[in-house]
Amino acid sequence: MHRPTPVEEREVTGWERVDGALKTARARYDGAAVEEEWQEVGLLCRKVLISLGLAVYDPAGG
């Protein structure tokens, strides 16, 4: 199986949910070996995007 390059550490965003989801996704990415584990990484990346959207969403539209 192709072994991708490790994901670099990034600065924290300051948004706890985003940072937590990124940390978890990175850890799972580093240890993924089978299809189900790679699917879990994809789901965690989806969670990162959802958490990011919630962090930046302004219900007032401003």
PDB file of N, CA and C in Angstrom:
ATOM      1  N   MET A   1       0.845  -1.176   0.000  1.00  0.00           N
ATOM      2  CA  MET A   1       0.000   0.000   0.000  1.00  0.00           C
ATOM      3  C   MET A   1       0.891   1.241   0.000  1.00  0.00           C
ATOM      4  N   HIS A   2       0.470   2.242  -0.739  1.00  0.00           N
ATOM      5  CA  HIS A   2       1.185   3.520  -0.787  1.00  0.00           C
ATOM      6  C   HIS A   2       1.186   4.162   0.593  1.00  0.00           C
ATOM      7  N   ARG A   3       2.331   4.623   1.005  1.00  0.00           N
ATOM      8  CA  ARG A   3       2.449   5.285   2.308  1.00  0.00           C
ATOM      9  C   ARG A   3       2.671   6.775   2.078  1.00  0.00           C
ATOM     10  N   PRO A   4       1.653   7.604   2.286  1.00  0.00           N
ATOM     11  CA  PRO A   4       1.788   9.041   2.032  1.00  0.00           C
ATOM     12  C   PRO A   4       2.742   9.719   3.011  1.00  0.00           C
ATOM     13  N   THR A   5       3.163  10.890   2.628  1.00  0.00           N
ATOM     14  CA  THR A   5       4.036  11.702   3.464  1.00  0.00           C
ATOM     15  C   THR A   5       3.310  12.091   4.748  1.00  0.00           C
ATOM     16  N   PRO A   6       4.009  12.056   5.881  1.00  0.00           N
ATOM     17  CA  PRO A   6       3.366  12.485   7.132  1.00  0.00           C
ATOM     18  C   PRO A   6       2.861  13.924   7.037  1.00  0.00           C
ATOM     19  N   VAL A   7       1.794  14.192   7.753  1.00  0.00           N
ATOM     20  CA  VAL A   7       1.207  15.530   7.775  1.00  0.00           C
ATOM     21  C   VAL A   7       2.022  16.402   8.726  1.00  0.00           C
ATOM     22  N   GLU A   8       2.391  17.590   8.256  1.00  0.00           N
ATOM     23  CA  GLU A   8       3.164  18.515   9.084  1.00  0.00           C
ATOM     24  C   GLU A   8       2.311  19.072  10.222  1.00  0.00           C
ATOM     25  N   GLU A   9       2.980  19.388  11.319  1.00  0.00           N
ATOM     26  CA  GLU A   9       2.314  20.090  12.414  1.00  0.00           C
ATOM     27  C   GLU A   9       1.986  21.500  11.949  1.00  0.00           C
ATOM     28  N   ARG A  10       0.859  22.004  12.366  1.00  0.00           N
ATOM     29  CA  ARG A  10       0.421  23.352  12.008  1.00  0.00           C
ATOM     30  C   ARG A  10       0.197  24.160  13.275  1.00  0.00           C
ATOM     31  N   GLU A  11       0.165  25.480  13.104  1.00  0.00           N
ATOM     32  CA  GLU A  11      -0.188  26.336  14.236  1.00  0.00           C
ATOM     33  C   GLU A  11      -1.625  26.049  14.638  1.00  0.00           C
ATOM     34  N   VAL A  12      -1.889  26.165  15.926  1.00  0.00           N
ATOM     35  CA  VAL A  12      -3.268  25.986  16.374  1.00  0.00           C
ATOM     36  C   VAL A  12      -4.100  27.162  15.881  1.00  0.00           C
ATOM     37  N   THR A  13      -5.375  26.904  15.643  1.00  0.00           N
ATOM     38  CA  THR A  13      -6.262  27.943  15.128  1.00  0.00           C
ATOM     39  C   THR A  13      -6.841  28.798  16.247  1.00  0.00           C
ATOM     40  N   GLY A  14      -6.896  28.218  17.444  1.00  0.00           N
ATOM     41  CA  GLY A  14      -7.551  28.907  18.551  1.00  0.00           C
ATOM     42  C   GLY A  14      -8.993  28.466  18.718  1.00  0.00           C
ATOM     43  N   TRP A  15      -9.507  27.731  17.750  1.00  0.00           N
ATOM     44  CA  TRP A  15     -10.851  27.172  17.838  1.00  0.00           C
ATOM     45  C   TRP A  15     -10.702  25.734  18.325  1.00  0.00           C
ATOM     46  N   GLU A  16     -11.143  25.470  19.551  1.00  0.00           N
ATOM     47  CA  GLU A  16     -10.905  24.180  20.197  1.00  0.00           C
ATOM     48  C   GLU A  16     -11.407  22.993  19.380  1.00  0.00           C
ATOM     49  N   ARG A  17     -12.623  23.098  18.851  1.00  0.00           N
ATOM     50  CA  ARG A  17     -13.187  21.968  18.099  1.00  0.00           C
ATOM     51  C   ARG A  17     -12.388  21.696  16.831  1.00  0.00           C
ATOM     52  N   VAL A  18     -11.969  22.755  16.154  1.00  0.00           N
ATOM     53  CA  VAL A  18     -11.175  22.600  14.930  1.00  0.00           C
ATOM     54  C   VAL A  18      -9.823  21.983  15.273  1.00  0.00           C
ATOM     55  N   ASP A  19      -9.153  22.538  16.268  1.00  0.00           N
ATOM     56  CA  ASP A  19      -7.834  22.034  16.650  1.00  0.00           C
ATOM     57  C   ASP A  19      -7.901  20.591  17.134  1.00  0.00           C
ATOM     58  N   GLY A  20      -8.931  20.265  17.909  1.00  0.00           N
ATOM     59  CA  GLY A  20      -9.086  18.894  18.393  1.00  0.00           C
ATOM     60  C   GLY A  20      -9.333  17.909  17.269  1.00  0.00           C
ATOM     61  N   ALA A  21     -10.193  18.287  16.331  1.00  0.00           N
ATOM     62  CA  ALA A  21     -10.490  17.411  15.195  1.00  0.00           C
ATOM     63  C   ALA A  21      -9.259  17.234  14.310  1.00  0.00           C
ATOM     64  N   LEU A  22      -8.488  18.302  14.109  1.00  0.00           N
ATOM     65  CA  LEU A  22      -7.256  18.199  13.319  1.00  0.00           C
ATOM     66  C   LEU A  22      -6.246  17.279  13.992  1.00  0.00           C
ATOM     67  N   LYS A  23      -6.109  17.410  15.289  1.00  0.00           N
ATOM     68  CA  LYS A  23      -5.166  16.573  16.031  1.00  0.00           C
ATOM     69  C   LYS A  23      -5.545  15.099  15.916  1.00  0.00           C
ATOM     70  N   THR A  24      -6.824  14.812  16.074  1.00  0.00           N
ATOM     71  CA  THR A  24      -7.298  13.435  15.969  1.00  0.00           C
ATOM     72  C   THR A  24      -7.107  12.899  14.556  1.00  0.00           C
ATOM     73  N   ALA A  25      -7.451  13.699  13.548  1.00  0.00           N
ATOM     74  CA  ALA A  25      -7.297  13.270  12.153  1.00  0.00           C
ATOM     75  C   ALA A  25      -5.837  12.996  11.832  1.00  0.00           C
ATOM     76  N   ARG A  26      -4.949  13.850  12.301  1.00  0.00           N
ATOM     77  CA  ARG A  26      -3.519  13.672  12.042  1.00  0.00           C
ATOM     78  C   ARG A  26      -3.023  12.370  12.660  1.00  0.00           C
ATOM     79  N   ALA A  27      -3.440  12.087  13.882  1.00  0.00           N
ATOM     80  CA  ALA A  27      -3.014  10.861  14.558  1.00  0.00           C
ATOM     81  C   ALA A  27      -3.518   9.628  13.821  1.00  0.00           C
ATOM     82  N   ARG A  28      -4.770   9.660  13.373  1.00  0.00           N
ATOM     83  CA  ARG A  28      -5.331   8.520  12.645  1.00  0.00           C
ATOM     84  C   ARG A  28      -4.656   8.357  11.276  1.00  0.00           C
ATOM     85  N   TYR A  29      -4.348   9.479  10.638  1.00  0.00           N
ATOM     86  CA  TYR A  29      -3.669   9.466   9.339  1.00  0.00           C
ATOM     87  C   TYR A  29      -2.313   8.776   9.465  1.00  0.00           C
ATOM     88  N   ASP A  30      -1.577   9.130  10.514  1.00  0.00           N
ATOM     89  CA  ASP A  30      -0.244   8.560  10.711  1.00  0.00           C
ATOM     90  C   ASP A  30      -0.285   7.057  10.951  1.00  0.00           C
ATOM     91  N   GLY A  31      -1.394   6.548  11.486  1.00  0.00           N
ATOM     92  CA  GLY A  31      -1.473   5.126  11.792  1.00  0.00           C
ATOM     93  C   GLY A  31      -2.330   4.307  10.845  1.00  0.00           C
ATOM     94  N   ALA A  32      -2.940   4.945   9.855  1.00  0.00           N
ATOM     95  CA  ALA A  32      -3.856   4.231   8.957  1.00  0.00           C
ATOM     96  C   ALA A  32      -3.104   3.229   8.084  1.00  0.00           C
ATOM     97  N   ALA A  33      -3.695   2.039   7.956  1.00  0.00           N
ATOM     98  CA  ALA A  33      -3.068   1.003   7.146  1.00  0.00           C
ATOM     99  C   ALA A  33      -4.071   0.267   6.262  1.00  0.00           C
ATOM    100  N   VAL A  34      -5.312   0.204   6.682  1.00  0.00           N
ATOM    101  CA  VAL A  34      -6.318  -0.526   5.915  1.00  0.00           C
ATOM    102  C   VAL A  34      -7.441   0.419   5.508  1.00  0.00           C
ATOM    103  N   GLU A  35      -8.258  -0.029   4.575  1.00  0.00           N
ATOM    104  CA  GLU A  35      -9.301   0.815   3.993  1.00  0.00           C
ATOM    105  C   GLU A  35     -10.190   1.486   5.034  1.00  0.00           C
ATOM    106  N   GLU A  36     -10.625   0.743   6.026  1.00  0.00           N
ATOM    107  CA  GLU A  36     -11.523   1.300   7.032  1.00  0.00           C
ATOM    108  C   GLU A  36     -10.860   2.432   7.810  1.00  0.00           C
ATOM    109  N   GLU A  37      -9.567   2.296   8.059  1.00  0.00           N
ATOM    110  CA  GLU A  37      -8.847   3.352   8.779  1.00  0.00           C
ATOM    111  C   GLU A  37      -8.724   4.608   7.917  1.00  0.00           C
ATOM    112  N   TRP A  38      -8.525   4.425   6.609  1.00  0.00           N
ATOM    113  CA  TRP A  38      -8.460   5.583   5.704  1.00  0.00           C
ATOM    114  C   TRP A  38      -9.827   6.251   5.597  1.00  0.00           C
ATOM    115  N   GLN A  39     -10.889   5.458   5.626  1.00  0.00           N
ATOM    116  CA  GLN A  39     -12.233   6.032   5.609  1.00  0.00           C
ATOM    117  C   GLN A  39     -12.477   6.854   6.872  1.00  0.00           C
ATOM    118  N   GLU A  40     -11.975   6.373   7.995  1.00  0.00           N
ATOM    119  CA  GLU A  40     -12.110   7.121   9.244  1.00  0.00           C
ATOM    120  C   GLU A  40     -11.385   8.464   9.145  1.00  0.00           C
ATOM    121  N   VAL A  41     -10.211   8.465   8.521  1.00  0.00           N
ATOM    122  CA  VAL A  41      -9.478   9.720   8.325  1.00  0.00           C
ATOM    123  C   VAL A  41     -10.333  10.687   7.507  1.00  0.00           C
ATOM    124  N   GLY A  42     -10.975  10.192   6.455  1.00  0.00           N
ATOM    125  CA  GLY A  42     -11.843  11.036   5.638  1.00  0.00           C
ATOM    126  C   GLY A  42     -12.999  11.611   6.437  1.00  0.00           C
ATOM    127  N   LEU A  43     -13.607  10.798   7.284  1.00  0.00           N
ATOM    128  CA  LEU A  43     -14.707  11.282   8.125  1.00  0.00           C
ATOM    129  C   LEU A  43     -14.225  12.334   9.119  1.00  0.00           C
ATOM    130  N   LEU A  44     -13.032  12.141   9.643  1.00  0.00           N
ATOM    131  CA  LEU A  44     -12.482  13.132  10.568  1.00  0.00           C
ATOM    132  C   LEU A  44     -12.173  14.443   9.849  1.00  0.00           C
ATOM    133  N   CYS A  45     -11.711  14.363   8.604  1.00  0.00           N
ATOM    134  CA  CYS A  45     -11.471  15.583   7.826  1.00  0.00           C
ATOM    135  C   CYS A  45     -12.786  16.309   7.576  1.00  0.00           C
ATOM    136  N   ARG A  46     -13.841  15.557   7.334  1.00  0.00           N
ATOM    137  CA  ARG A  46     -15.171  16.159   7.183  1.00  0.00           C
ATOM    138  C   ARG A  46     -15.557  16.888   8.467  1.00  0.00           C
ATOM    139  N   LYS A  47     -15.265  16.264   9.602  1.00  0.00           N
ATOM    140  CA  LYS A  47     -15.561  16.882  10.897  1.00  0.00           C
ATOM    141  C   LYS A  47     -14.777  18.185  11.063  1.00  0.00           C
ATOM    142  N   VAL A  48     -13.528  18.206  10.593  1.00  0.00           N
ATOM    143  CA  VAL A  48     -12.723  19.433  10.653  1.00  0.00           C
ATOM    144  C   VAL A  48     -13.421  20.544   9.879  1.00  0.00           C
ATOM    145  N   LEU A  49     -13.885  20.235   8.667  1.00  0.00           N
ATOM    146  CA  LEU A  49     -14.543  21.247   7.839  1.00  0.00           C
ATOM    147  C   LEU A  49     -15.840  21.741   8.471  1.00  0.00           C
ATOM    148  N   ILE A  50     -16.616  20.838   9.040  1.00  0.00           N
ATOM    149  CA  ILE A  50     -17.855  21.235   9.711  1.00  0.00           C
ATOM    150  C   ILE A  50     -17.540  22.112  10.918  1.00  0.00           C
ATOM    151  N   SER A  51     -16.551  21.719  11.709  1.00  0.00           N
ATOM    152  CA  SER A  51     -16.168  22.510  12.879  1.00  0.00           C
ATOM    153  C   SER A  51     -15.664  23.886  12.467  1.00  0.00           C
ATOM    154  N   LEU A  52     -14.917  23.949  11.387  1.00  0.00           N
ATOM    155  CA  LEU A  52     -14.425  25.234  10.888  1.00  0.00           C
ATOM    156  C   LEU A  52     -15.584  26.120  10.450  1.00  0.00           C
ATOM    157  N   GLY A  53     -16.529  25.536   9.727  1.00  0.00           N
ATOM    158  CA  GLY A  53     -17.703  26.297   9.297  1.00  0.00           C
ATOM    159  C   GLY A  53     -18.486  26.852  10.472  1.00  0.00           C
ATOM    160  N   LEU A  54     -18.653  26.038  11.504  1.00  0.00           N
ATOM    161  CA  LEU A  54     -19.367  26.500  12.701  1.00  0.00           C
ATOM    162  C   LEU A  54     -18.597  27.600  13.423  1.00  0.00           C
ATOM    163  N   ALA A  55     -17.271  27.514  13.387  1.00  0.00           N
ATOM    164  CA  ALA A  55     -16.454  28.517  14.071  1.00  0.00           C
ATOM    165  C   ALA A  55     -16.518  29.876  13.388  1.00  0.00           C
ATOM    166  N   VAL A  56     -16.631  29.886  12.073  1.00  0.00           N
ATOM    167  CA  VAL A  56     -16.583  31.167  11.354  1.00  0.00           C
ATOM    168  C   VAL A  56     -17.957  31.693  10.958  1.00  0.00           C
ATOM    169  N   TYR A  57     -18.991  30.877  11.101  1.00  0.00           N
ATOM    170  CA  TYR A  57     -20.336  31.294  10.703  1.00  0.00           C
ATOM    171  C   TYR A  57     -20.829  32.442  11.573  1.00  0.00           C
ATOM    172  N   ASP A  58     -21.338  33.455  10.931  1.00  0.00           N
ATOM    173  CA  ASP A  58     -21.910  34.607  11.627  1.00  0.00           C
ATOM    174  C   ASP A  58     -23.400  34.654  11.302  1.00  0.00           C
ATOM    175  N   PRO A  59     -24.260  34.233  12.239  1.00  0.00           N
ATOM    176  CA  PRO A  59     -25.690  34.198  11.947  1.00  0.00           C
ATOM    177  C   PRO A  59     -26.274  35.576  11.629  1.00  0.00           C
ATOM    178  N   ALA A  60     -25.589  36.635  12.036  1.00  0.00           N
ATOM    179  CA  ALA A  60     -26.069  37.990  11.740  1.00  0.00           C
ATOM    180  C   ALA A  60     -25.721  38.407  10.313  1.00  0.00           C
ATOM    181  N   GLY A  61     -24.907  37.587   9.652  1.00  0.00           N
ATOM    182  CA  GLY A  61     -24.553  37.879   8.262  1.00  0.00           C
ATOM    183  C   GLY A  61     -23.465  38.920   8.111  1.00  0.00           C
ATOM    184  N   GLY A  62     -22.815  39.277   9.167  1.00  0.00           N
ATOM    185  CA  GLY A  62     -21.809  40.322   9.107  1.00  0.00           C
ATOM    186  C   GLY A  62     -20.465  39.811   9.088  1.00  0.00           C
TER     187      GLY A  62
END
